[in-house]
PDB file of all heavy atoms in Angstrom:
ATOM      1  N   ALA A   1      14.448  -2.168   3.901  1.00  0.00           N
ATOM      2  CA  ALA A   1      14.004  -1.392   2.747  1.00  0.00           C
ATOM      3  C   ALA A   1      12.807  -2.090   2.127  1.00  0.00           C
ATOM      4  O   ALA A   1      12.766  -3.321   2.048  1.00  0.00           O
ATOM      5  CB  ALA A   1      15.127  -1.244   1.729  1.00  0.00           C
ATOM      6  N   VAL A   2      11.836  -1.293   1.698  1.00  0.00           N
ATOM      7  CA  VAL A   2      10.608  -1.861   1.153  1.00  0.00           C
ATOM      8  C   VAL A   2      10.309  -1.200  -0.191  1.00  0.00           C
ATOM      9  O   VAL A   2      10.532  -0.003  -0.384  1.00  0.00           O
ATOM     10  CB  VAL A   2       9.427  -1.662   2.151  1.00  0.00           C
ATOM     11  CG1 VAL A   2       9.178  -0.199   2.421  1.00  0.00           C
ATOM     12  CG2 VAL A   2       8.171  -2.355   1.676  1.00  0.00           C
ATOM     13  N   ASP A   3       9.877  -2.028  -1.144  1.00  0.00           N
ATOM     14  CA  ASP A   3       9.583  -1.563  -2.496  1.00  0.00           C
ATOM     15  C   ASP A   3       8.103  -1.225  -2.593  1.00  0.00           C
ATOM     16  O   ASP A   3       7.244  -2.114  -2.650  1.00  0.00           O
ATOM     17  CB  ASP A   3       9.948  -2.649  -3.513  1.00  0.00           C
ATOM     18  CG  ASP A   3       9.826  -2.165  -4.954  1.00  0.00           C
ATOM     19  OD1 ASP A   3       9.186  -1.122  -5.174  1.00  0.00           O
ATOM     20  OD2 ASP A   3      10.362  -2.824  -5.850  1.00  0.00           O
ATOM     21  N   LEU A   4       7.776   0.059  -2.600  1.00  0.00           N
ATOM     22  CA  LEU A   4       6.391   0.523  -2.642  1.00  0.00           C
ATOM     23  C   LEU A   4       6.060   0.968  -4.064  1.00  0.00           C
ATOM     24  O   LEU A   4       6.152   2.146  -4.406  1.00  0.00           O
ATOM     25  CB  LEU A   4       6.187   1.669  -1.650  1.00  0.00           C
ATOM     26  CG  LEU A   4       6.541   1.352  -0.189  1.00  0.00           C
ATOM     27  CD1 LEU A   4       6.430   2.600   0.675  1.00  0.00           C
ATOM     28  CD2 LEU A   4       5.665   0.236   0.353  1.00  0.00           C
ATOM     29  N   ALA A   5       5.713  -0.018  -4.890  1.00  0.00           N
ATOM     30  CA  ALA A   5       5.353   0.246  -6.301  1.00  0.00           C
ATOM     31  C   ALA A   5       6.464   1.011  -7.010  1.00  0.00           C
ATOM     32  O   ALA A   5       6.218   2.012  -7.704  1.00  0.00           O
ATOM     33  CB  ALA A   5       4.032   0.994  -6.376  1.00  0.00           C
ATOM     34  N   GLY A   6       7.698   0.537  -6.832  1.00  0.00           N
ATOM     35  CA  GLY A   6       8.835   1.161  -7.489  1.00  0.00           C
ATOM     36  C   GLY A   6       9.529   2.226  -6.674  1.00  0.00           C
ATOM     37  O   GLY A   6      10.633   2.672  -7.027  1.00  0.00           O
ATOM     38  N   ARG A   7       8.915   2.644  -5.587  1.00  0.00           N
ATOM     39  CA  ARG A   7       9.508   3.644  -4.681  1.00  0.00           C
ATOM     40  C   ARG A   7      10.139   2.893  -3.523  1.00  0.00           C
ATOM     41  O   ARG A   7       9.450   2.394  -2.646  1.00  0.00           O
ATOM     42  CB  ARG A   7       8.414   4.593  -4.204  1.00  0.00           C
ATOM     43  CG  ARG A   7       8.874   5.738  -3.333  1.00  0.00           C
ATOM     44  CD  ARG A   7       7.729   6.715  -3.075  1.00  0.00           C
ATOM     45  NE  ARG A   7       6.592   6.050  -2.458  1.00  0.00           N
ATOM     46  CZ  ARG A   7       6.147   6.309  -1.219  1.00  0.00           C
ATOM     47  NH1 ARG A   7       6.758   7.208  -0.472  1.00  0.00           N
ATOM     48  NH2 ARG A   7       5.102   5.680  -0.740  1.00  0.00           N
ATOM     49  N   LYS A   8      11.468   2.785  -3.502  1.00  0.00           N
ATOM     50  CA  LYS A   8      12.159   2.003  -2.481  1.00  0.00           C
ATOM     51  C   LYS A   8      12.520   2.905  -1.310  1.00  0.00           C
ATOM     52  O   LYS A   8      13.235   3.895  -1.459  1.00  0.00           O
ATOM     53  CB  LYS A   8      13.392   1.326  -3.070  1.00  0.00           C
ATOM     54  CG  LYS A   8      13.028   0.315  -4.159  1.00  0.00           C
ATOM     55  CD  LYS A   8      14.223  -0.410  -4.705  1.00  0.00           C
ATOM     56  CE  LYS A   8      13.770  -1.422  -5.763  1.00  0.00           C
ATOM     57  NZ  LYS A   8      14.901  -2.184  -6.326  1.00  0.00           N
ATOM     58  N   MET A   9      11.996   2.539  -0.132  1.00  0.00           N
ATOM     59  CA  MET A   9      12.128   3.368   1.055  1.00  0.00           C
ATOM     60  C   MET A   9      12.667   2.545   2.222  1.00  0.00           C
ATOM     61  O   MET A   9      12.349   1.362   2.357  1.00  0.00           O
ATOM     62  CB  MET A   9      10.760   3.938   1.452  1.00  0.00           C
ATOM     63  CG  MET A   9      10.075   4.775   0.396  1.00  0.00           C
ATOM     64  SD  MET A   9      10.863   6.385   0.177  1.00  0.00           S
ATOM     65  CE  MET A   9      10.515   7.153   1.770  1.00  0.00           C
ATOM     66  N   TRP A  10      13.468   3.197   3.077  1.00  0.00           N
ATOM     67  CA  TRP A  10      13.843   2.581   4.340  1.00  0.00           C
ATOM     68  C   TRP A  10      12.685   2.732   5.317  1.00  0.00           C
ATOM     69  O   TRP A  10      12.069   3.793   5.403  1.00  0.00           O
ATOM     70  CB  TRP A  10      15.089   3.236   4.926  1.00  0.00           C
ATOM     71  CG  TRP A  10      16.353   2.824   4.250  1.00  0.00           C
ATOM     72  CD1 TRP A  10      17.142   3.563   3.424  1.00  0.00           C
ATOM     73  CD2 TRP A  10      16.979   1.534   4.345  1.00  0.00           C
ATOM     74  NE1 TRP A  10      18.218   2.829   2.987  1.00  0.00           N
ATOM     75  CE2 TRP A  10      18.148   1.578   3.541  1.00  0.00           C
ATOM     76  CE3 TRP A  10      16.669   0.359   5.014  1.00  0.00           C
ATOM     77  CZ2 TRP A  10      18.999   0.487   3.392  1.00  0.00           C
ATOM     78  CZ3 TRP A  10      17.513  -0.737   4.873  1.00  0.00           C
ATOM     79  CH2 TRP A  10      18.660  -0.670   4.081  1.00  0.00           C
ATOM     80  N   ALA A  11      12.389   1.656   6.033  1.00  0.00           N
ATOM     81  CA  ALA A  11      11.275   1.673   6.975  1.00  0.00           C
ATOM     82  C   ALA A  11      11.721   1.112   8.314  1.00  0.00           C
ATOM     83  O   ALA A  11      12.474   0.133   8.375  1.00  0.00           O
ATOM     84  CB  ALA A  11      10.112   0.845   6.441  1.00  0.00           C
ATOM     85  N   GLU A  12      11.269   1.753   9.387  1.00  0.00           N
ATOM     86  CA  GLU A  12      11.460   1.215  10.730  1.00  0.00           C
ATOM     87  C   GLU A  12      10.148   0.581  11.168  1.00  0.00           C
ATOM     88  O   GLU A  12       9.089   1.197  11.049  1.00  0.00           O
ATOM     89  CB  GLU A  12      11.864   2.311  11.710  1.00  0.00           C
ATOM     90  CG  GLU A  12      12.171   1.769  13.107  1.00  0.00           C
ATOM     91  CD  GLU A  12      12.580   2.855  14.084  1.00  0.00           C
ATOM     92  OE1 GLU A  12      11.856   3.851  14.192  1.00  0.00           O
ATOM     93  OE2 GLU A  12      13.620   2.694  14.745  1.00  0.00           O
ATOM     94  N   ASP A  13      10.211  -0.647  11.647  1.00  0.00           N
ATOM     95  CA  ASP A  13       9.024  -1.435  11.992  1.00  0.00           C
ATOM     96  C   ASP A  13       9.143  -1.847  13.454  1.00  0.00           C
ATOM     97  O   ASP A  13      10.023  -2.637  13.814  1.00  0.00           O
ATOM     98  CB  ASP A  13       8.961  -2.666  11.079  1.00  0.00           C
ATOM     99  CG  ASP A  13       7.597  -3.339  11.088  1.00  0.00           C
ATOM    100  OD1 ASP A  13       6.865  -3.169  12.074  1.00  0.00           O
ATOM    101  OD2 ASP A  13       7.282  -4.045  10.115  1.00  0.00           O
ATOM    102  N   THR A  14       8.290  -1.302  14.316  1.00  0.00           N
ATOM    103  CA  THR A  14       8.357  -1.609  15.743  1.00  0.00           C
ATOM    104  C   THR A  14       6.977  -2.000  16.256  1.00  0.00           C
ATOM    105  O   THR A  14       5.962  -1.564  15.719  1.00  0.00           O
ATOM    106  CB  THR A  14       8.864  -0.407  16.562  1.00  0.00           C
ATOM    107  OG1 THR A  14       7.941   0.684  16.408  1.00  0.00           O
ATOM    108  CG2 THR A  14      10.231   0.044  16.106  1.00  0.00           C
ATOM    109  N   GLY A  15       6.955  -2.821  17.273  1.00  0.00           N
ATOM    110  CA  GLY A  15       5.671  -3.219  17.835  1.00  0.00           C
ATOM    111  C   GLY A  15       5.836  -4.219  18.959  1.00  0.00           C
ATOM    112  O   GLY A  15       6.909  -4.343  19.566  1.00  0.00           O
ATOM    113  N   ARG A  16       4.781  -4.942  19.204  1.00  0.00           N
ATOM    114  CA  ARG A  16       4.767  -5.932  20.269  1.00  0.00           C
ATOM    115  C   ARG A  16       3.954  -7.127  19.782  1.00  0.00           C
ATOM    116  O   ARG A  16       2.885  -6.956  19.207  1.00  0.00           O
ATOM    117  CB  ARG A  16       4.116  -5.321  21.521  1.00  0.00           C
ATOM    118  CG  ARG A  16       4.423  -6.072  22.807  1.00  0.00           C
ATOM    119  CD  ARG A  16       4.040  -5.219  24.005  1.00  0.00           C
ATOM    120  NE  ARG A  16       4.983  -4.138  24.215  1.00  0.00           N
ATOM    121  CZ  ARG A  16       5.577  -3.865  25.368  1.00  0.00           C
ATOM    122  NH1 ARG A  16       5.321  -4.589  26.431  1.00  0.00           N
ATOM    123  NH2 ARG A  16       6.405  -2.855  25.475  1.00  0.00           N
ATOM    124  N   TRP A  17       4.509  -8.337  19.982  1.00  0.00           N
ATOM    125  CA  TRP A  17       3.757  -9.532  19.595  1.00  0.00           C
ATOM    126  C   TRP A  17       3.204 -10.223  20.841  1.00  0.00           C
ATOM    127  O   TRP A  17       3.762 -10.105  21.933  1.00  0.00           O
ATOM    128  CB  TRP A  17       4.590 -10.497  18.757  1.00  0.00           C
ATOM    129  CG  TRP A  17       5.812 -11.102  19.401  1.00  0.00           C
ATOM    130  CD1 TRP A  17       7.098 -10.684  19.284  1.00  0.00           C
ATOM    131  CD2 TRP A  17       5.862 -12.280  20.246  1.00  0.00           C
ATOM    132  NE1 TRP A  17       7.946 -11.500  20.003  1.00  0.00           N
ATOM    133  CE2 TRP A  17       7.220 -12.485  20.599  1.00  0.00           C
ATOM    134  CE3 TRP A  17       4.897 -13.159  20.731  1.00  0.00           C
ATOM    135  CZ2 TRP A  17       7.617 -13.547  21.413  1.00  0.00           C
ATOM    136  CZ3 TRP A  17       5.297 -14.211  21.545  1.00  0.00           C
ATOM    137  CH2 TRP A  17       6.643 -14.397  21.879  1.00  0.00           C
ATOM    138  N   PHE A  18       2.080 -10.914  20.621  1.00  0.00           N
ATOM    139  CA  PHE A  18       1.377 -11.586  21.706  1.00  0.00           C
ATOM    140  C   PHE A  18       1.217 -13.062  21.340  1.00  0.00           C
ATOM    141  O   PHE A  18       0.928 -13.404  20.196  1.00  0.00           O
ATOM    142  CB  PHE A  18       0.012 -10.940  21.936  1.00  0.00           C
ATOM    143  CG  PHE A  18       0.112  -9.481  22.278  1.00  0.00           C
ATOM    144  CD1 PHE A  18       0.184  -8.520  21.272  1.00  0.00           C
ATOM    145  CD2 PHE A  18       0.147  -9.061  23.593  1.00  0.00           C
ATOM    146  CE1 PHE A  18       0.286  -7.172  21.565  1.00  0.00           C
ATOM    147  CE2 PHE A  18       0.253  -7.711  23.909  1.00  0.00           C
ATOM    148  CZ  PHE A  18       0.328  -6.767  22.891  1.00  0.00           C
ATOM    149  N   ALA A  19       1.423 -13.924  22.338  1.00  0.00           N
ATOM    150  CA  ALA A  19       1.446 -15.366  22.084  1.00  0.00           C
ATOM    151  C   ALA A  19       0.046 -15.955  22.056  1.00  0.00           C
ATOM    152  O   ALA A  19      -0.890 -15.446  22.668  1.00  0.00           O
ATOM    153  CB  ALA A  19       2.276 -16.072  23.151  1.00  0.00           C
ATOM    154  N   GLY A  20      -0.066 -17.080  21.324  1.00  0.00           N
ATOM    155  CA  GLY A  20      -1.274 -17.889  21.358  1.00  0.00           C
ATOM    156  C   GLY A  20      -1.175 -18.925  22.460  1.00  0.00           C
ATOM    157  O   GLY A  20      -0.259 -18.909  23.291  1.00  0.00           O
ATOM    158  N   SER A  21      -2.100 -19.869  22.463  1.00  0.00           N
ATOM    159  CA  SER A  21      -2.137 -20.869  23.535  1.00  0.00           C
ATOM    160  C   SER A  21      -0.942 -21.807  23.494  1.00  0.00           C
ATOM    161  O   SER A  21      -0.629 -22.451  24.497  1.00  0.00           O
ATOM    162  CB  SER A  21      -3.442 -21.675  23.446  1.00  0.00           C
ATOM    163  OG  SER A  21      -3.594 -22.246  22.160  1.00  0.00           O
ATOM    164  N   ASP A  22      -0.254 -21.890  22.333  1.00  0.00           N
ATOM    165  CA  ASP A  22       0.930 -22.745  22.239  1.00  0.00           C
ATOM    166  C   ASP A  22       2.213 -21.996  22.591  1.00  0.00           C
ATOM    167  O   ASP A  22       3.308 -22.549  22.510  1.00  0.00           O
ATOM    168  CB  ASP A  22       1.049 -23.347  20.834  1.00  0.00           C
ATOM    169  CG  ASP A  22       1.124 -22.290  19.740  1.00  0.00           C
ATOM    170  OD1 ASP A  22       1.098 -21.089  20.069  1.00  0.00           O
ATOM    171  OD2 ASP A  22       1.205 -22.670  18.553  1.00  0.00           O
ATOM    172  N   GLY A  23       2.085 -20.725  22.993  1.00  0.00           N
ATOM    173  CA  GLY A  23       3.253 -19.941  23.377  1.00  0.00           C
ATOM    174  C   GLY A  23       3.946 -19.242  22.226  1.00  0.00           C
ATOM    175  O   GLY A  23       4.840 -18.427  22.438  1.00  0.00           O
ATOM    176  N   ARG A  24       3.545 -19.552  20.999  1.00  0.00           N
ATOM    177  CA  ARG A  24       4.181 -18.933  19.828  1.00  0.00           C
ATOM    178  C   ARG A  24       3.435 -17.654  19.434  1.00  0.00           C
ATOM    179  O   ARG A  24       2.269 -17.488  19.777  1.00  0.00           O
ATOM    180  CB  ARG A  24       4.193 -19.921  18.655  1.00  0.00           C
ATOM    181  CG  ARG A  24       5.080 -21.125  18.916  1.00  0.00           C
ATOM    182  CD  ARG A  24       5.166 -21.983  17.685  1.00  0.00           C
ATOM    183  NE  ARG A  24       6.018 -23.146  17.905  1.00  0.00           N
ATOM    184  CZ  ARG A  24       6.323 -24.025  16.973  1.00  0.00           C
ATOM    185  NH1 ARG A  24       5.824 -23.894  15.762  1.00  0.00           N
ATOM    186  NH2 ARG A  24       7.112 -25.039  17.247  1.00  0.00           N
ATOM    187  N   PRO A  25       4.107 -16.779  18.688  1.00  0.00           N
ATOM    188  CA  PRO A  25       3.441 -15.539  18.284  1.00  0.00           C
ATOM    189  C   PRO A  25       2.136 -15.795  17.537  1.00  0.00           C
ATOM    190  O   PRO A  25       2.099 -16.583  16.587  1.00  0.00           O
ATOM    191  CB  PRO A  25       4.483 -14.866  17.378  1.00  0.00           C
ATOM    192  CG  PRO A  25       5.802 -15.382  17.863  1.00  0.00           C
ATOM    193  CD  PRO A  25       5.538 -16.808  18.268  1.00  0.00           C
ATOM    194  N   ALA A  26       1.069 -15.139  17.982  1.00  0.00           N
ATOM    195  CA  ALA A  26      -0.243 -15.297  17.350  1.00  0.00           C
ATOM    196  C   ALA A  26      -0.756 -13.980  16.783  1.00  0.00           C
ATOM    197  O   ALA A  26      -1.517 -13.983  15.820  1.00  0.00           O
ATOM    198  CB  ALA A  26      -1.252 -15.842  18.362  1.00  0.00           C
ATOM    199  N   ARG A  27      -0.340 -12.865  17.380  1.00  0.00           N
ATOM    200  CA  ARG A  27      -0.837 -11.564  16.943  1.00  0.00           C
ATOM    201  C   ARG A  27       0.229 -10.519  17.204  1.00  0.00           C
ATOM    202  O   ARG A  27       0.996 -10.620  18.162  1.00  0.00           O
ATOM    203  CB  ARG A  27      -2.120 -11.199  17.705  1.00  0.00           C
ATOM    204  CG  ARG A  27      -2.716  -9.857  17.370  1.00  0.00           C
ATOM    205  CD  ARG A  27      -4.051  -9.638  18.095  1.00  0.00           C
ATOM    206  NE  ARG A  27      -3.900  -9.654  19.538  1.00  0.00           N
ATOM    207  CZ  ARG A  27      -3.611  -8.573  20.256  1.00  0.00           C
ATOM    208  NH1 ARG A  27      -3.406  -7.410  19.661  1.00  0.00           N
ATOM    209  NH2 ARG A  27      -3.506  -8.656  21.572  1.00  0.00           N
ATOM    210  N   ALA A  28       0.301  -9.533  16.329  1.00  0.00           N
ATOM    211  CA  ALA A  28       1.256  -8.439  16.516  1.00  0.00           C
ATOM    212  C   ALA A  28       0.551  -7.112  16.266  1.00  0.00           C
ATOM    213  O   ALA A  28      -0.355  -7.023  15.431  1.00  0.00           O
ATOM    214  CB  ALA A  28       2.435  -8.590  15.561  1.00  0.00           C
ATOM    215  N   ARG A  29       0.973  -6.111  17.008  1.00  0.00           N
ATOM    216  CA  ARG A  29       0.472  -4.756  16.801  1.00  0.00           C
ATOM    217  C   ARG A  29       1.672  -3.825  16.783  1.00  0.00           C
ATOM    218  O   ARG A  29       2.533  -3.897  17.668  1.00  0.00           O
ATOM    219  CB  ARG A  29      -0.492  -4.341  17.901  1.00  0.00           C
ATOM    220  CG  ARG A  29      -1.037  -2.927  17.727  1.00  0.00           C
ATOM    221  CD  ARG A  29      -2.151  -2.598  18.691  1.00  0.00           C
ATOM    222  NE  ARG A  29      -2.608  -1.235  18.513  1.00  0.00           N
ATOM    223  CZ  ARG A  29      -3.452  -0.831  17.567  1.00  0.00           C
ATOM    224  NH1 ARG A  29      -3.929  -1.725  16.708  1.00  0.00           N
ATOM    225  NH2 ARG A  29      -3.822   0.428  17.459  1.00  0.00           N
ATOM    226  N   GLY A  30       1.766  -2.977  15.763  1.00  0.00           N
ATOM    227  CA  GLY A  30       2.941  -2.131  15.675  1.00  0.00           C
ATOM    228  C   GLY A  30       2.701  -0.918  14.803  1.00  0.00           C
ATOM    229  O   GLY A  30       1.582  -0.625  14.379  1.00  0.00           O
ATOM    230  N   VAL A  31       3.791  -0.220  14.539  1.00  0.00           N
ATOM    231  CA  VAL A  31       3.737   0.967  13.687  1.00  0.00           C
ATOM    232  C   VAL A  31       4.898   0.909  12.708  1.00  0.00           C
ATOM    233  O   VAL A  31       6.025   0.572  13.073  1.00  0.00           O
ATOM    234  CB  VAL A  31       3.776   2.259  14.532  1.00  0.00           C
ATOM    235  CG1 VAL A  31       5.038   2.330  15.371  1.00  0.00           C
ATOM    236  CG2 VAL A  31       3.651   3.497  13.646  1.00  0.00           C
ATOM    237  N   LEU A  32       4.604   1.198  11.443  1.00  0.00           N
ATOM    238  CA  LEU A  32       5.611   1.259  10.386  1.00  0.00           C
ATOM    239  C   LEU A  32       5.889   2.721  10.087  1.00  0.00           C
ATOM    240  O   LEU A  32       4.957   3.503   9.870  1.00  0.00           O
ATOM    241  CB  LEU A  32       5.101   0.550   9.131  1.00  0.00           C
ATOM    242  CG  LEU A  32       6.094   0.445   7.974  1.00  0.00           C
ATOM    243  CD1 LEU A  32       7.112  -0.647   8.268  1.00  0.00           C
ATOM    244  CD2 LEU A  32       5.376   0.155   6.658  1.00  0.00           C
ATOM    245  N   ARG A  33       7.152   3.093  10.078  1.00  0.00           N
ATOM    246  CA  ARG A  33       7.531   4.478   9.813  1.00  0.00           C
ATOM    247  C   ARG A  33       8.495   4.530   8.637  1.00  0.00           C
ATOM    248  O   ARG A  33       9.557   3.910   8.667  1.00  0.00           O
ATOM    249  CB  ARG A  33       8.193   5.101  11.051  1.00  0.00           C
ATOM    250  CG  ARG A  33       8.639   6.553  10.851  1.00  0.00           C
ATOM    251  CD  ARG A  33       9.072   7.181  12.168  1.00  0.00           C
ATOM    252  NE  ARG A  33      10.269   6.540  12.691  1.00  0.00           N
ATOM    253  CZ  ARG A  33      11.510   6.958  12.429  1.00  0.00           C
ATOM    254  NH1 ARG A  33      11.716   8.006  11.646  1.00  0.00           N
ATOM    255  NH2 ARG A  33      12.542   6.343  12.950  1.00  0.00           N
ATOM    256  N   LEU A  34       8.109   5.238   7.590  1.00  0.00           N
ATOM    257  CA  LEU A  34       8.995   5.424   6.440  1.00  0.00           C
ATOM    258  C   LEU A  34      10.018   6.500   6.777  1.00  0.00           C
ATOM    259  O   LEU A  34       9.658   7.587   7.238  1.00  0.00           O
ATOM    260  CB  LEU A  34       8.195   5.827   5.200  1.00  0.00           C
ATOM    261  CG  LEU A  34       7.172   4.806   4.690  1.00  0.00           C
ATOM    262  CD1 LEU A  34       6.563   5.290   3.379  1.00  0.00           C
ATOM    263  CD2 LEU A  34       7.789   3.429   4.516  1.00  0.00           C
ATOM    264  N   GLU A  35      11.304   6.185   6.542  1.00  0.00           N
ATOM    265  CA  GLU A  35      12.372   7.114   6.909  1.00  0.00           C
ATOM    266  C   GLU A  35      12.806   7.982   5.734  1.00  0.00           C
ATOM    267  O   GLU A  35      12.697   9.197   5.766  1.00  0.00           O
ATOM    268  CB  GLU A  35      13.578   6.340   7.446  1.00  0.00           C
ATOM    269  CG  GLU A  35      13.301   5.575   8.735  1.00  0.00           C
ATOM    270  CD  GLU A  35      14.516   4.806   9.207  1.00  0.00           C
ATOM    271  OE1 GLU A  35      15.442   4.591   8.388  1.00  0.00           O
ATOM    272  OE2 GLU A  35      14.554   4.417  10.380  1.00  0.00           O
ATOM    273  N   ARG A  36      13.336   7.339   4.692  1.00  0.00           N
ATOM    274  CA  ARG A  36      13.850   8.079   3.534  1.00  0.00           C
ATOM    275  C   ARG A  36      13.984   7.116   2.370  1.00  0.00           C
ATOM    276  O   ARG A  36      13.833   5.905   2.517  1.00  0.00           O
ATOM    277  CB  ARG A  36      15.221   8.683   3.861  1.00  0.00           C
ATOM    278  CG  ARG A  36      16.274   7.654   4.244  1.00  0.00           C
ATOM    279  CD  ARG A  36      17.646   8.280   4.439  1.00  0.00           C
ATOM    280  NE  ARG A  36      18.629   7.317   4.890  1.00  0.00           N
ATOM    281  CZ  ARG A  36      19.283   6.471   4.089  1.00  0.00           C
ATOM    282  NH1 ARG A  36      19.030   6.460   2.778  1.00  0.00           N
ATOM    283  NH2 ARG A  36      20.174   5.624   4.583  1.00  0.00           N
ATOM    284  N   ALA A  37      14.276   7.678   1.196  1.00  0.00           N
ATOM    285  CA  ALA A  37      14.467   6.839   0.010  1.00  0.00           C
ATOM    286  C   ALA A  37      15.742   6.019   0.159  1.00  0.00           C
ATOM    287  O   ALA A  37      16.751   6.490   0.711  1.00  0.00           O
ATOM    288  CB  ALA A  37      14.533   7.712  -1.235  1.00  0.00           C
ATOM    289  N   ALA A  38      15.682   4.780  -0.306  1.00  0.00           N
ATOM    290  CA  ALA A  38      16.849   3.891  -0.254  1.00  0.00           C
ATOM    291  C   ALA A  38      17.663   4.050  -1.536  1.00  0.00           C
ATOM    292  O   ALA A  38      17.107   4.001  -2.641  1.00  0.00           O
ATOM    293  CB  ALA A  38      16.397   2.443  -0.097  1.00  0.00           C
TER     294      ALA A  38
END
């Protein structure tokens, strides 16, 4: 659930992360979808 200036909504957050040279996450690309009011 995310608080959008007082409007609390359930959100689904999906994507894919890509590692840096140390193998740890360095960049992510995804899509946020608002579902309904919480």
